[in-house]
């Protein structure tokens, strides 16, 4: 059922984007344990089969109910636009055991019998140890499942933010939300998130209720690679004890340009395009269906960064690409001429 988040000031007074490697770890663990939708994620699952076989993720999956909250301390809200995994894990490890107990109990209660089963009882009997063990498990999952692809994934997420930031600047929050995903709408100060996932929207402080109200004025917008094409979520975390301000309401949505992760490698660029530009330059131009960085393209295509950089410079000089800076990254995207040439080929 839909989630409704009402902003006290008639709408979010501030929207900010964030990339969280820890949130991607959580969603990667989810993907490993959920049924596939139309084959989404199958190539990644095949690649991760060996790495995943060496991980015992049952404790984390127990805390990811189909309908209900993940413990909030396991996925702290990003404080800046580009979080670092070590900082996020340190924040998890610093969780107060009393807070951890409340979060764990609430999450376990969403699955009938989970709190009384031996794994659930173990988590509740020693929440301090549970925090340490869960943080260690998240770190192992990061290293095995996400870290090998992170340069490419981070570049993809940052490119997505750069794209949507232009829409935020041009049309405000309502236009931004309307273009993130068809299941999202921001109308007259109320954010509506229509449920389109198996897990629901009761994440991080949510509990599957039809309506949520927040007195906050900030909206945090987080792109994700692993949530899947219908995995949009929205939630309004409860105010922490002693905090003068509520946390930002949050929207998680599927990032653009993830097709390269979820499809099997193709046979290279079209023959006509390769004949015109050369195979290397044609490969780079064909891969830029979405904006990307040099590092992300090199990782995705299996080419040396120096070679990709040279191809990008040539394509930009020919008017087929343009580049712009976003944060510490330089993103490349096709010009209208580049789009026409790639699509015609």
C-alpha atoms as a PDB file:
ATOM      1  CA  UNK A   1       0.000   0.000   0.000  1.00  0.00           C
ATOM      2  CA  UNK A   2       1.209   3.564  -0.563  1.00  0.00           C
ATOM      3  CA  UNK A   3       3.293   5.502   1.910  1.00  0.00           C
ATOM      4  CA  UNK A   4       2.457   9.188   2.360  1.00  0.00           C
ATOM      5  CA  UNK A   5       5.092  11.481   3.875  1.00  0.00           C
ATOM      6  CA  UNK A   6       3.824  14.961   4.650  1.00  0.00           C
ATOM      7  CA  UNK A   7       6.241  17.835   5.091  1.00  0.00           C
ATOM      8  CA  UNK A   8       5.322  20.370   7.740  1.00  0.00           C
ATOM      9  CA  UNK A   9       6.476  23.336   5.670  1.00  0.00           C
ATOM     10  CA  UNK A  10       4.336  22.470   2.664  1.00  0.00           C
ATOM     11  CA  UNK A  11       7.160  20.627   0.955  1.00  0.00           C
ATOM     12  CA  UNK A  12      10.847  19.858   1.475  1.00  0.00           C
ATOM     13  CA  UNK A  13      12.816  23.052   1.953  1.00  0.00           C
ATOM     14  CA  UNK A  14      16.009  21.255   1.084  1.00  0.00           C
ATOM     15  CA  UNK A  15      16.775  18.250  -1.131  1.00  0.00           C
ATOM     16  CA  UNK A  16      20.159  16.605  -1.065  1.00  0.00           C
ATOM     17  CA  UNK A  17      21.581  13.572  -2.842  1.00  0.00           C
ATOM     18  CA  UNK A  18      23.835  10.972  -1.277  1.00  0.00           C
ATOM     19  CA  UNK A  19      25.742   7.839  -2.255  1.00  0.00           C
ATOM     20  CA  UNK A  20      26.092   5.221   0.488  1.00  0.00           C
ATOM     21  CA  UNK A  21      28.299   2.136  -0.038  1.00  0.00           C
ATOM     22  CA  UNK A  22      26.808   0.556   3.103  1.00  0.00           C
ATOM     23  CA  UNK A  23      23.275   0.886   1.749  1.00  0.00           C
ATOM     24  CA  UNK A  24      24.447  -0.832  -1.425  1.00  0.00           C
ATOM     25  CA  UNK A  25      25.831  -3.687   0.681  1.00  0.00           C
ATOM     26  CA  UNK A  26      22.447  -4.077   2.320  1.00  0.00           C
ATOM     27  CA  UNK A  27      20.639  -4.152  -1.026  1.00  0.00           C
ATOM     28  CA  UNK A  28      23.171  -6.608  -2.468  1.00  0.00           C
ATOM     29  CA  UNK A  29      22.466  -8.958   0.443  1.00  0.00           C
ATOM     30  CA  UNK A  30      18.751  -8.540  -0.255  1.00  0.00           C
ATOM     31  CA  UNK A  31      19.238  -9.418  -3.911  1.00  0.00           C
ATOM     32  CA  UNK A  32      21.028 -12.626  -3.012  1.00  0.00           C
ATOM     33  CA  UNK A  33      18.058 -13.784  -0.959  1.00  0.00           C
ATOM     34  CA  UNK A  34      15.048 -12.713  -3.008  1.00  0.00           C
ATOM     35  CA  UNK A  35      13.370 -14.179  -6.084  1.00  0.00           C
ATOM     36  CA  UNK A  36      14.468 -12.635  -9.363  1.00  0.00           C
ATOM     37  CA  UNK A  37      12.097 -10.372 -11.261  1.00  0.00           C
ATOM     38  CA  UNK A  38      12.227 -11.057 -14.999  1.00  0.00           C
ATOM     39  CA  UNK A  39      15.827 -12.233 -14.688  1.00  0.00           C
ATOM     40  CA  UNK A  40      16.951  -8.931 -13.139  1.00  0.00           C
ATOM     41  CA  UNK A  41      20.381  -9.380 -11.588  1.00  0.00           C
ATOM     42  CA  UNK A  42      21.015 -12.884 -12.929  1.00  0.00           C
ATOM     43  CA  UNK A  43      24.445 -12.150 -14.496  1.00  0.00           C
ATOM     44  CA  UNK A  44      25.600 -10.489 -11.258  1.00  0.00           C
ATOM     45  CA  UNK A  45      24.302 -13.411  -9.198  1.00  0.00           C
ATOM     46  CA  UNK A  46      26.228 -15.807 -11.417  1.00  0.00           C
ATOM     47  CA  UNK A  47      29.409 -13.802 -10.930  1.00  0.00           C
ATOM     48  CA  UNK A  48      28.856 -13.591  -7.164  1.00  0.00           C
ATOM     49  CA  UNK A  49      27.992 -17.277  -6.672  1.00  0.00           C
ATOM     50  CA  UNK A  50      31.441 -18.296  -5.416  1.00  0.00           C
ATOM     51  CA  UNK A  51      31.912 -15.249  -3.197  1.00  0.00           C
ATOM     52  CA  UNK A  52      28.422 -15.559  -1.732  1.00  0.00           C
ATOM     53  CA  UNK A  53      28.905 -19.255  -0.994  1.00  0.00           C
ATOM     54  CA  UNK A  54      31.600 -18.340   1.529  1.00  0.00           C
ATOM     55  CA  UNK A  55      29.341 -15.971   3.481  1.00  0.00           C
ATOM     56  CA  UNK A  56      26.830 -16.876   6.171  1.00  0.00           C
ATOM     57  CA  UNK A  57      24.327 -14.045   5.743  1.00  0.00           C
ATOM     58  CA  UNK A  58      21.470 -15.576   7.739  1.00  0.00           C
ATOM     59  CA  UNK A  59      21.715 -13.061  10.581  1.00  0.00           C
ATOM     60  CA  UNK A  60      21.424 -10.130   8.198  1.00  0.00           C
ATOM     61  CA  UNK A  61      18.563 -11.695   6.259  1.00  0.00           C
ATOM     62  CA  UNK A  62      16.699 -12.338   9.509  1.00  0.00           C
ATOM     63  CA  UNK A  63      16.761  -8.562  10.019  1.00  0.00           C
ATOM     64  CA  UNK A  64      15.406  -7.811   6.538  1.00  0.00           C
ATOM     65  CA  UNK A  65      11.722  -8.743   6.878  1.00  0.00           C
ATOM     66  CA  UNK A  66       9.441  -8.792   3.874  1.00  0.00           C
ATOM     67  CA  UNK A  67       7.231  -6.195   5.557  1.00  0.00           C
ATOM     68  CA  UNK A  68       8.907  -4.158   8.256  1.00  0.00           C
ATOM     69  CA  UNK A  69      12.005  -2.222   9.219  1.00  0.00           C
ATOM     70  CA  UNK A  70      15.647  -3.089   8.920  1.00  0.00           C
ATOM     71  CA  UNK A  71      17.372  -2.017  12.179  1.00  0.00           C
ATOM     72  CA  UNK A  72      18.161   1.640  11.675  1.00  0.00           C
ATOM     73  CA  UNK A  73      21.659   1.346  13.142  1.00  0.00           C
ATOM     74  CA  UNK A  74      22.653  -1.065  10.342  1.00  0.00           C
ATOM     75  CA  UNK A  75      22.164   1.610   7.669  1.00  0.00           C
ATOM     76  CA  UNK A  76      22.923   5.038   9.150  1.00  0.00           C
ATOM     77  CA  UNK A  77      21.691   7.987   7.146  1.00  0.00           C
ATOM     78  CA  UNK A  78      24.513   9.375   4.966  1.00  0.00           C
ATOM     79  CA  UNK A  79      25.831  12.608   6.389  1.00  0.00           C
ATOM     80  CA  UNK A  80      27.351  13.858   3.138  1.00  0.00           C
ATOM     81  CA  UNK A  81      27.000  13.279  -0.584  1.00  0.00           C
ATOM     82  CA  UNK A  82      29.793  10.694  -0.833  1.00  0.00           C
ATOM     83  CA  UNK A  83      30.109   8.419   2.180  1.00  0.00           C
ATOM     84  CA  UNK A  84      33.124   6.172   2.813  1.00  0.00           C
ATOM     85  CA  UNK A  85      32.519   2.557   3.800  1.00  0.00           C
ATOM     86  CA  UNK A  86      35.041   2.635   6.676  1.00  0.00           C
ATOM     87  CA  UNK A  87      33.286   5.644   8.214  1.00  0.00           C
ATOM     88  CA  UNK A  88      29.882   4.021   7.849  1.00  0.00           C
ATOM     89  CA  UNK A  89      31.053   0.766   9.433  1.00  0.00           C
ATOM     90  CA  UNK A  90      32.634   2.709  12.292  1.00  0.00           C
ATOM     91  CA  UNK A  91      29.285   4.390  12.863  1.00  0.00           C
ATOM     92  CA  UNK A  92      27.578   0.988  13.024  1.00  0.00           C
ATOM     93  CA  UNK A  93      30.168  -0.325  15.475  1.00  0.00           C
ATOM     94  CA  UNK A  94      29.649   2.713  17.699  1.00  0.00           C
ATOM     95  CA  UNK A  95      25.930   1.985  18.214  1.00  0.00           C
ATOM     96  CA  UNK A  96      24.754   2.088  21.811  1.00  0.00           C
ATOM     97  CA  UNK A  97      23.597  -1.420  22.879  1.00  0.00           C
ATOM     98  CA  UNK A  98      20.325  -0.050  24.306  1.00  0.00           C
ATOM     99  CA  UNK A  99      19.467   1.529  20.975  1.00  0.00           C
ATOM    100  CA  UNK A 100      20.555  -1.633  19.162  1.00  0.00           C
ATOM    101  CA  UNK A 101      18.246  -3.757  21.322  1.00  0.00           C
ATOM    102  CA  UNK A 102      15.230  -1.572  20.498  1.00  0.00           C
ATOM    103  CA  UNK A 103      16.042  -1.644  16.768  1.00  0.00           C
ATOM    104  CA  UNK A 104      16.619  -5.400  16.746  1.00  0.00           C
ATOM    105  CA  UNK A 105      13.423  -6.140  18.678  1.00  0.00           C
ATOM    106  CA  UNK A 106      11.350  -4.012  16.346  1.00  0.00           C
ATOM    107  CA  UNK A 107      12.801  -5.629  13.238  1.00  0.00           C
ATOM    108  CA  UNK A 108      12.423  -9.188  14.568  1.00  0.00           C
ATOM    109  CA  UNK A 109       8.836  -8.491  15.578  1.00  0.00           C
ATOM    110  CA  UNK A 110       7.952  -7.979  11.904  1.00  0.00           C
ATOM    111  CA  UNK A 111       8.572 -11.691  11.220  1.00  0.00           C
ATOM    112  CA  UNK A 112       6.350 -14.051  13.245  1.00  0.00           C
ATOM    113  CA  UNK A 113       8.464 -16.255  15.514  1.00  0.00           C
ATOM    114  CA  UNK A 114      11.797 -14.613  14.666  1.00  0.00           C
ATOM    115  CA  UNK A 115      12.382 -13.164  18.138  1.00  0.00           C
ATOM    116  CA  UNK A 116      11.789 -16.557  19.793  1.00  0.00           C
ATOM    117  CA  UNK A 117      13.948 -18.561  17.391  1.00  0.00           C
ATOM    118  CA  UNK A 118      17.524 -19.281  18.568  1.00  0.00           C
ATOM    119  CA  UNK A 119      19.200 -16.760  16.182  1.00  0.00           C
ATOM    120  CA  UNK A 120      16.779 -14.000  17.221  1.00  0.00           C
ATOM    121  CA  UNK A 121      17.175 -14.751  20.926  1.00  0.00           C
ATOM    122  CA  UNK A 122      20.971 -14.631  20.558  1.00  0.00           C
ATOM    123  CA  UNK A 123      20.783 -11.157  19.018  1.00  0.00           C
ATOM    124  CA  UNK A 124      18.535  -9.832  21.792  1.00  0.00           C
ATOM    125  CA  UNK A 125      20.371 -11.461  24.696  1.00  0.00           C
ATOM    126  CA  UNK A 126      23.628  -9.649  23.924  1.00  0.00           C
ATOM    127  CA  UNK A 127      22.941  -6.597  21.719  1.00  0.00           C
ATOM    128  CA  UNK A 128      26.494  -5.318  22.180  1.00  0.00           C
ATOM    129  CA  UNK A 129      27.928  -8.480  20.680  1.00  0.00           C
ATOM    130  CA  UNK A 130      25.213  -8.427  18.019  1.00  0.00           C
ATOM    131  CA  UNK A 131      26.389  -4.962  16.916  1.00  0.00           C
ATOM    132  CA  UNK A 132      29.973  -6.166  16.589  1.00  0.00           C
ATOM    133  CA  UNK A 133      29.067  -9.373  14.771  1.00  0.00           C
ATOM    134  CA  UNK A 134      26.672  -7.665  12.360  1.00  0.00           C
ATOM    135  CA  UNK A 135      29.197  -4.929  11.567  1.00  0.00           C
ATOM    136  CA  UNK A 136      31.840  -7.576  10.851  1.00  0.00           C
ATOM    137  CA  UNK A 137      29.389  -9.420   8.610  1.00  0.00           C
ATOM    138  CA  UNK A 138      28.568  -6.229   6.702  1.00  0.00           C
ATOM    139  CA  UNK A 139      32.289  -5.653   6.159  1.00  0.00           C
ATOM    140  CA  UNK A 140      32.733  -9.184   4.817  1.00  0.00           C
ATOM    141  CA  UNK A 141      29.759  -8.706   2.496  1.00  0.00           C
ATOM    142  CA  UNK A 142      31.224  -5.400   1.299  1.00  0.00           C
ATOM    143  CA  UNK A 143      34.541  -6.997   0.422  1.00  0.00           C
ATOM    144  CA  UNK A 144      33.008 -10.003  -1.317  1.00  0.00           C
ATOM    145  CA  UNK A 145      29.958  -8.576  -3.081  1.00  0.00           C
ATOM    146  CA  UNK A 146      30.349  -4.849  -3.707  1.00  0.00           C
ATOM    147  CA  UNK A 147      33.967  -3.720  -3.370  1.00  0.00           C
ATOM    148  CA  UNK A 148      35.232  -5.469  -6.551  1.00  0.00           C
ATOM    149  CA  UNK A 149      32.802  -3.430  -8.665  1.00  0.00           C
ATOM    150  CA  UNK A 150      32.744  -0.266  -6.553  1.00  0.00           C
ATOM    151  CA  UNK A 151      34.787   2.064  -8.843  1.00  0.00           C
ATOM    152  CA  UNK A 152      32.287   1.456 -11.635  1.00  0.00           C
ATOM    153  CA  UNK A 153      29.235   1.474  -9.358  1.00  0.00           C
ATOM    154  CA  UNK A 154      30.307   4.672  -7.623  1.00  0.00           C
ATOM    155  CA  UNK A 155      30.858   6.395 -10.943  1.00  0.00           C
ATOM    156  CA  UNK A 156      27.455   5.250 -12.153  1.00  0.00           C
ATOM    157  CA  UNK A 157      25.716   6.524  -9.002  1.00  0.00           C
ATOM    158  CA  UNK A 158      27.508   9.856  -9.147  1.00  0.00           C
ATOM    159  CA  UNK A 159      26.599  10.244 -12.815  1.00  0.00           C
ATOM    160  CA  UNK A 160      22.970   9.588 -11.931  1.00  0.00           C
ATOM    161  CA  UNK A 161      23.095  12.282  -9.257  1.00  0.00           C
ATOM    162  CA  UNK A 162      24.636  14.749 -11.696  1.00  0.00           C
ATOM    163  CA  UNK A 163      21.837  14.091 -14.196  1.00  0.00           C
ATOM    164  CA  UNK A 164      19.035  14.547 -11.665  1.00  0.00           C
ATOM    165  CA  UNK A 165      20.670  17.559  -9.994  1.00  0.00           C
ATOM    166  CA  UNK A 166      20.132  19.492 -13.214  1.00  0.00           C
ATOM    167  CA  UNK A 167      16.406  18.725 -13.028  1.00  0.00           C
ATOM    168  CA  UNK A 168      16.280  19.769  -9.374  1.00  0.00           C
ATOM    169  CA  UNK A 169      17.914  23.084 -10.213  1.00  0.00           C
ATOM    170  CA  UNK A 170      15.629  23.637 -13.185  1.00  0.00           C
ATOM    171  CA  UNK A 171      12.243  22.479 -11.883  1.00  0.00           C
ATOM    172  CA  UNK A 172      12.468  22.104  -8.121  1.00  0.00           C
ATOM    173  CA  UNK A 173      11.639  19.149  -5.898  1.00  0.00           C
ATOM    174  CA  UNK A 174       8.298  18.301  -7.518  1.00  0.00           C
ATOM    175  CA  UNK A 175       9.842  17.870 -10.971  1.00  0.00           C
ATOM    176  CA  UNK A 176      12.770  15.945  -9.532  1.00  0.00           C
ATOM    177  CA  UNK A 177      10.587  13.455  -7.647  1.00  0.00           C
ATOM    178  CA  UNK A 178       8.264  13.018 -10.615  1.00  0.00           C
ATOM    179  CA  UNK A 179      11.179  12.019 -12.843  1.00  0.00           C
ATOM    180  CA  UNK A 180      12.948   9.662 -10.437  1.00  0.00           C
ATOM    181  CA  UNK A 181      10.389   6.865 -10.769  1.00  0.00           C
ATOM    182  CA  UNK A 182       6.745   6.412 -11.844  1.00  0.00           C
ATOM    183  CA  UNK A 183       5.841   5.227  -8.334  1.00  0.00           C
ATOM    184  CA  UNK A 184       6.909   8.540  -6.784  1.00  0.00           C
ATOM    185  CA  UNK A 185       4.989  11.811  -6.631  1.00  0.00           C
ATOM    186  CA  UNK A 186       5.333  15.019  -4.642  1.00  0.00           C
ATOM    187  CA  UNK A 187       2.105  17.011  -4.686  1.00  0.00           C
ATOM    188  CA  UNK A 188       1.174  19.896  -2.371  1.00  0.00           C
ATOM    189  CA  UNK A 189       3.770  19.030   0.226  1.00  0.00           C
ATOM    190  CA  UNK A 190       3.047  15.283   0.409  1.00  0.00           C
ATOM    191  CA  UNK A 191       5.435  12.665  -0.933  1.00  0.00           C
ATOM    192  CA  UNK A 192       3.629   9.512  -2.074  1.00  0.00           C
ATOM    193  CA  UNK A 193       5.515   6.255  -2.596  1.00  0.00           C
ATOM    194  CA  UNK A 194       3.508   3.481  -4.220  1.00  0.00           C
ATOM    195  CA  UNK A 195       4.646   0.037  -3.196  1.00  0.00           C
ATOM    196  CA  UNK A 196       6.101  -1.977  -6.049  1.00  0.00           C
ATOM    197  CA  UNK A 197       8.455  -4.378  -4.253  1.00  0.00           C
ATOM    198  CA  UNK A 198       8.237  -7.637  -2.428  1.00  0.00           C
ATOM    199  CA  UNK A 199       9.764  -6.009   0.646  1.00  0.00           C
ATOM    200  CA  UNK A 200       7.449  -3.020   0.935  1.00  0.00           C
ATOM    201  CA  UNK A 201       8.482   0.457   2.029  1.00  0.00           C
ATOM    202  CA  UNK A 202       8.771  -0.033   5.755  1.00  0.00           C
ATOM    203  CA  UNK A 203      12.498   0.573   5.871  1.00  0.00           C
ATOM    204  CA  UNK A 204      14.593   2.198   8.566  1.00  0.00           C
ATOM    205  CA  UNK A 205      11.893   3.425  10.830  1.00  0.00           C
ATOM    206  CA  UNK A 206       8.943   2.537   8.586  1.00  0.00           C
ATOM    207  CA  UNK A 207       6.520  -0.240   9.430  1.00  0.00           C
ATOM    208  CA  UNK A 208       4.336  -0.634   6.354  1.00  0.00           C
ATOM    209  CA  UNK A 209       1.752   1.925   7.471  1.00  0.00           C
ATOM    210  CA  UNK A 210      -0.305   3.590   4.799  1.00  0.00           C
ATOM    211  CA  UNK A 211       0.537   7.083   6.000  1.00  0.00           C
ATOM    212  CA  UNK A 212       3.608   8.607   7.612  1.00  0.00           C
ATOM    213  CA  UNK A 213       4.040  12.176   8.827  1.00  0.00           C
ATOM    214  CA  UNK A 214       7.284  14.012   9.419  1.00  0.00           C
ATOM    215  CA  UNK A 215       7.880  17.469  10.823  1.00  0.00           C
ATOM    216  CA  UNK A 216      11.203  17.709   9.018  1.00  0.00           C
ATOM    217  CA  UNK A 217      12.076  20.018   6.163  1.00  0.00           C
ATOM    218  CA  UNK A 218      14.778  17.983   4.393  1.00  0.00           C
ATOM    219  CA  UNK A 219      14.492  15.224   1.784  1.00  0.00           C
ATOM    220  CA  UNK A 220      17.409  12.851   1.249  1.00  0.00           C
ATOM    221  CA  UNK A 221      17.511  11.286  -2.240  1.00  0.00           C
ATOM    222  CA  UNK A 222      19.620   8.122  -2.600  1.00  0.00           C
ATOM    223  CA  UNK A 223      20.188   6.275  -5.898  1.00  0.00           C
ATOM    224  CA  UNK A 224      20.879   2.551  -5.677  1.00  0.00           C
ATOM    225  CA  UNK A 225      22.166  -0.053  -8.101  1.00  0.00           C
ATOM    226  CA  UNK A 226      20.809  -3.106  -6.313  1.00  0.00           C
ATOM    227  CA  UNK A 227      17.208  -2.177  -5.473  1.00  0.00           C
ATOM    228  CA  UNK A 228      15.979  -3.313  -8.878  1.00  0.00           C
ATOM    229  CA  UNK A 229      13.830  -1.475 -11.440  1.00  0.00           C
ATOM    230  CA  UNK A 230      10.725  -1.478  -9.186  1.00  0.00           C
ATOM    231  CA  UNK A 231      12.563  -1.131  -5.876  1.00  0.00           C
ATOM    232  CA  UNK A 232      11.686   2.458  -5.039  1.00  0.00           C
ATOM    233  CA  UNK A 233      11.257   3.071  -1.301  1.00  0.00           C
ATOM    234  CA  UNK A 234      10.392   5.973   0.940  1.00  0.00           C
ATOM    235  CA  UNK A 235      10.516   6.352   4.693  1.00  0.00           C
ATOM    236  CA  UNK A 236      10.591   8.960   7.444  1.00  0.00           C
ATOM    237  CA  UNK A 237      12.823   7.780  10.301  1.00  0.00           C
ATOM    238  CA  UNK A 238      11.613   8.554  13.812  1.00  0.00           C
ATOM    239  CA  UNK A 239      13.427  11.269  15.728  1.00  0.00           C
ATOM    240  CA  UNK A 240      16.202   9.851  17.888  1.00  0.00           C
ATOM    241  CA  UNK A 241      15.976  10.458  21.660  1.00  0.00           C
ATOM    242  CA  UNK A 242      17.687  13.702  22.606  1.00  0.00           C
ATOM    243  CA  UNK A 243      17.845  14.953  19.024  1.00  0.00           C
ATOM    244  CA  UNK A 244      16.556  18.477  18.450  1.00  0.00           C
ATOM    245  CA  UNK A 245      15.760  17.847  14.791  1.00  0.00           C
ATOM    246  CA  UNK A 246      14.166  14.898  13.023  1.00  0.00           C
ATOM    247  CA  UNK A 247      16.129  12.972  10.442  1.00  0.00           C
ATOM    248  CA  UNK A 248      15.501  13.722   6.807  1.00  0.00           C
ATOM    249  CA  UNK A 249      12.756  11.854   5.011  1.00  0.00           C
ATOM    250  CA  UNK A 250      14.399   9.550   2.500  1.00  0.00           C
ATOM    251  CA  UNK A 251      13.713   8.234  -0.987  1.00  0.00           C
ATOM    252  CA  UNK A 252      15.706   5.331  -2.434  1.00  0.00           C
ATOM    253  CA  UNK A 253      15.296   4.795  -6.168  1.00  0.00           C
ATOM    254  CA  UNK A 254      16.933   2.699  -8.911  1.00  0.00           C
ATOM    255  CA  UNK A 255      19.826   4.510 -10.555  1.00  0.00           C
ATOM    256  CA  UNK A 256      19.962   5.023 -14.298  1.00  0.00           C
ATOM    257  CA  UNK A 257      22.409   3.122 -16.481  1.00  0.00           C
ATOM    258  CA  UNK A 258      22.611  -0.144 -14.536  1.00  0.00           C
ATOM    259  CA  UNK A 259      21.961  -2.284 -17.615  1.00  0.00           C
ATOM    260  CA  UNK A 260      25.635  -3.142 -18.000  1.00  0.00           C
ATOM    261  CA  UNK A 261      25.638  -4.819 -14.600  1.00  0.00           C
ATOM    262  CA  UNK A 262      22.533  -6.888 -15.226  1.00  0.00           C
ATOM    263  CA  UNK A 263      23.163  -8.066 -18.770  1.00  0.00           C
ATOM    264  CA  UNK A 264      25.619 -10.585 -20.105  1.00  0.00           C
ATOM    265  CA  UNK A 265      28.604  -9.082 -21.950  1.00  0.00           C
ATOM    266  CA  UNK A 266      27.808  -8.376 -25.586  1.00  0.00           C
ATOM    267  CA  UNK A 267      29.846  -8.908 -28.670  1.00  0.00           C
ATOM    268  CA  UNK A 268      31.291  -5.413 -28.879  1.00  0.00           C
ATOM    269  CA  UNK A 269      30.145  -2.307 -30.745  1.00  0.00           C
ATOM    270  CA  UNK A 270      28.192  -2.439 -34.020  1.00  0.00           C
ATOM    271  CA  UNK A 271      30.406  -3.337 -36.964  1.00  0.00           C
ATOM    272  CA  UNK A 272      29.571  -0.171 -38.912  1.00  0.00           C
ATOM    273  CA  UNK A 273      30.460   2.040 -35.946  1.00  0.00           C
ATOM    274  CA  UNK A 274      33.726   0.176 -35.383  1.00  0.00           C
ATOM    275  CA  UNK A 275      34.623   0.546 -39.063  1.00  0.00           C
ATOM    276  CA  UNK A 276      34.023   4.291 -38.872  1.00  0.00           C
ATOM    277  CA  UNK A 277      35.674   5.135 -35.546  1.00  0.00           C
ATOM    278  CA  UNK A 278      37.921   2.191 -34.784  1.00  0.00           C
ATOM    279  CA  UNK A 279      36.910  -0.579 -32.393  1.00  0.00           C
ATOM    280  CA  UNK A 280      38.243   1.062 -29.229  1.00  0.00           C
ATOM    281  CA  UNK A 281      36.554   4.421 -29.757  1.00  0.00           C
ATOM    282  CA  UNK A 282      33.356   2.744 -30.970  1.00  0.00           C
ATOM    283  CA  UNK A 283      33.284   0.571 -27.849  1.00  0.00           C
ATOM    284  CA  UNK A 284      33.587   3.611 -25.593  1.00  0.00           C
ATOM    285  CA  UNK A 285      30.937   5.591 -27.465  1.00  0.00           C
ATOM    286  CA  UNK A 286      28.523   2.637 -27.429  1.00  0.00           C
ATOM    287  CA  UNK A 287      29.060   2.169 -23.673  1.00  0.00           C
ATOM    288  CA  UNK A 288      28.098   5.781 -22.893  1.00  0.00           C
ATOM    289  CA  UNK A 289      24.345   5.259 -22.952  1.00  0.00           C
ATOM    290  CA  UNK A 290      24.513   7.011 -19.568  1.00  0.00           C
ATOM    291  CA  UNK A 291      27.137   9.505 -18.330  1.00  0.00           C
ATOM    292  CA  UNK A 292      30.208   7.826 -16.839  1.00  0.00           C
ATOM    293  CA  UNK A 293      33.723   8.527 -15.594  1.00  0.00           C
ATOM    294  CA  UNK A 294      36.958   7.275 -17.130  1.00  0.00           C
ATOM    295  CA  UNK A 295      37.496   4.866 -14.223  1.00  0.00           C
ATOM    296  CA  UNK A 296      33.974   3.475 -14.407  1.00  0.00           C
ATOM    297  CA  UNK A 297      34.224   2.895 -18.165  1.00  0.00           C
ATOM    298  CA  UNK A 298      37.627   1.237 -17.852  1.00  0.00           C
ATOM    299  CA  UNK A 299      36.318  -1.133 -15.185  1.00  0.00           C
ATOM    300  CA  UNK A 300      33.184  -1.940 -17.129  1.00  0.00           C
ATOM    301  CA  UNK A 301      34.926  -2.509 -20.469  1.00  0.00           C
ATOM    302  CA  UNK A 302      38.016  -4.242 -19.107  1.00  0.00           C
ATOM    303  CA  UNK A 303      40.322  -1.654 -20.712  1.00  0.00           C
ATOM    304  CA  UNK A 304      43.261   0.301 -19.332  1.00  0.00           C
ATOM    305  CA  UNK A 305      42.215   3.719 -17.954  1.00  0.00           C
ATOM    306  CA  UNK A 306      44.874   5.381 -20.130  1.00  0.00           C
ATOM    307  CA  UNK A 307      43.362   3.846 -23.270  1.00  0.00           C
ATOM    308  CA  UNK A 308      39.841   4.879 -22.287  1.00  0.00           C
ATOM    309  CA  UNK A 309      41.054   8.397 -21.510  1.00  0.00           C
ATOM    310  CA  UNK A 310      42.664   8.693 -24.943  1.00  0.00           C
ATOM    311  CA  UNK A 311      39.488   7.482 -26.668  1.00  0.00           C
ATOM    312  CA  UNK A 312      37.365   9.917 -24.663  1.00  0.00           C
ATOM    313  CA  UNK A 313      39.592  12.835 -25.608  1.00  0.00           C
ATOM    314  CA  UNK A 314      39.389  11.937 -29.311  1.00  0.00           C
ATOM    315  CA  UNK A 315      35.601  11.524 -29.212  1.00  0.00           C
ATOM    316  CA  UNK A 316      35.176  14.801 -27.352  1.00  0.00           C
ATOM    317  CA  UNK A 317      37.432  16.584 -29.853  1.00  0.00           C
ATOM    318  CA  UNK A 318      35.241  15.248 -32.660  1.00  0.00           C
ATOM    319  CA  UNK A 319      32.121  16.685 -31.034  1.00  0.00           C
ATOM    320  CA  UNK A 320      30.653  13.285 -30.113  1.00  0.00           C
ATOM    321  CA  UNK A 321      31.046  13.710 -26.352  1.00  0.00           C
ATOM    322  CA  UNK A 322      30.916  16.470 -23.790  1.00  0.00           C
ATOM    323  CA  UNK A 323      32.317  16.453 -20.262  1.00  0.00           C
ATOM    324  CA  UNK A 324      31.527  18.216 -17.015  1.00  0.00           C
ATOM    325  CA  UNK A 325      32.747  18.074 -13.450  1.00  0.00           C
ATOM    326  CA  UNK A 326      30.626  16.762 -10.595  1.00  0.00           C
ATOM    327  CA  UNK A 327      32.354  16.817  -7.225  1.00  0.00           C
ATOM    328  CA  UNK A 328      35.768  15.238  -7.693  1.00  0.00           C
ATOM    329  CA  UNK A 329      34.738  13.335 -10.809  1.00  0.00           C
ATOM    330  CA  UNK A 330      34.720  14.257 -14.506  1.00  0.00           C
ATOM    331  CA  UNK A 331      31.722  12.752 -16.289  1.00  0.00           C
ATOM    332  CA  UNK A 332      31.440  12.142 -20.032  1.00  0.00           C
ATOM    333  CA  UNK A 333      28.216  11.892 -22.007  1.00  0.00           C
ATOM    334  CA  UNK A 334      27.218  11.837 -25.652  1.00  0.00           C
ATOM    335  CA  UNK A 335      26.322  15.003 -27.492  1.00  0.00           C
ATOM    336  CA  UNK A 336      23.257  14.940 -29.778  1.00  0.00           C
ATOM    337  CA  UNK A 337      25.627  14.102 -32.641  1.00  0.00           C
ATOM    338  CA  UNK A 338      27.144  11.249 -30.633  1.00  0.00           C
ATOM    339  CA  UNK A 339      23.693   9.903 -29.754  1.00  0.00           C
ATOM    340  CA  UNK A 340      22.586  10.017 -33.383  1.00  0.00           C
ATOM    341  CA  UNK A 341      25.732   8.274 -34.576  1.00  0.00           C
ATOM    342  CA  UNK A 342      25.622   5.510 -31.930  1.00  0.00           C
ATOM    343  CA  UNK A 343      21.923   4.831 -32.339  1.00  0.00           C
ATOM    344  CA  UNK A 344      22.062   4.875 -36.121  1.00  0.00           C
ATOM    345  CA  UNK A 345      24.854   2.308 -36.038  1.00  0.00           C
END
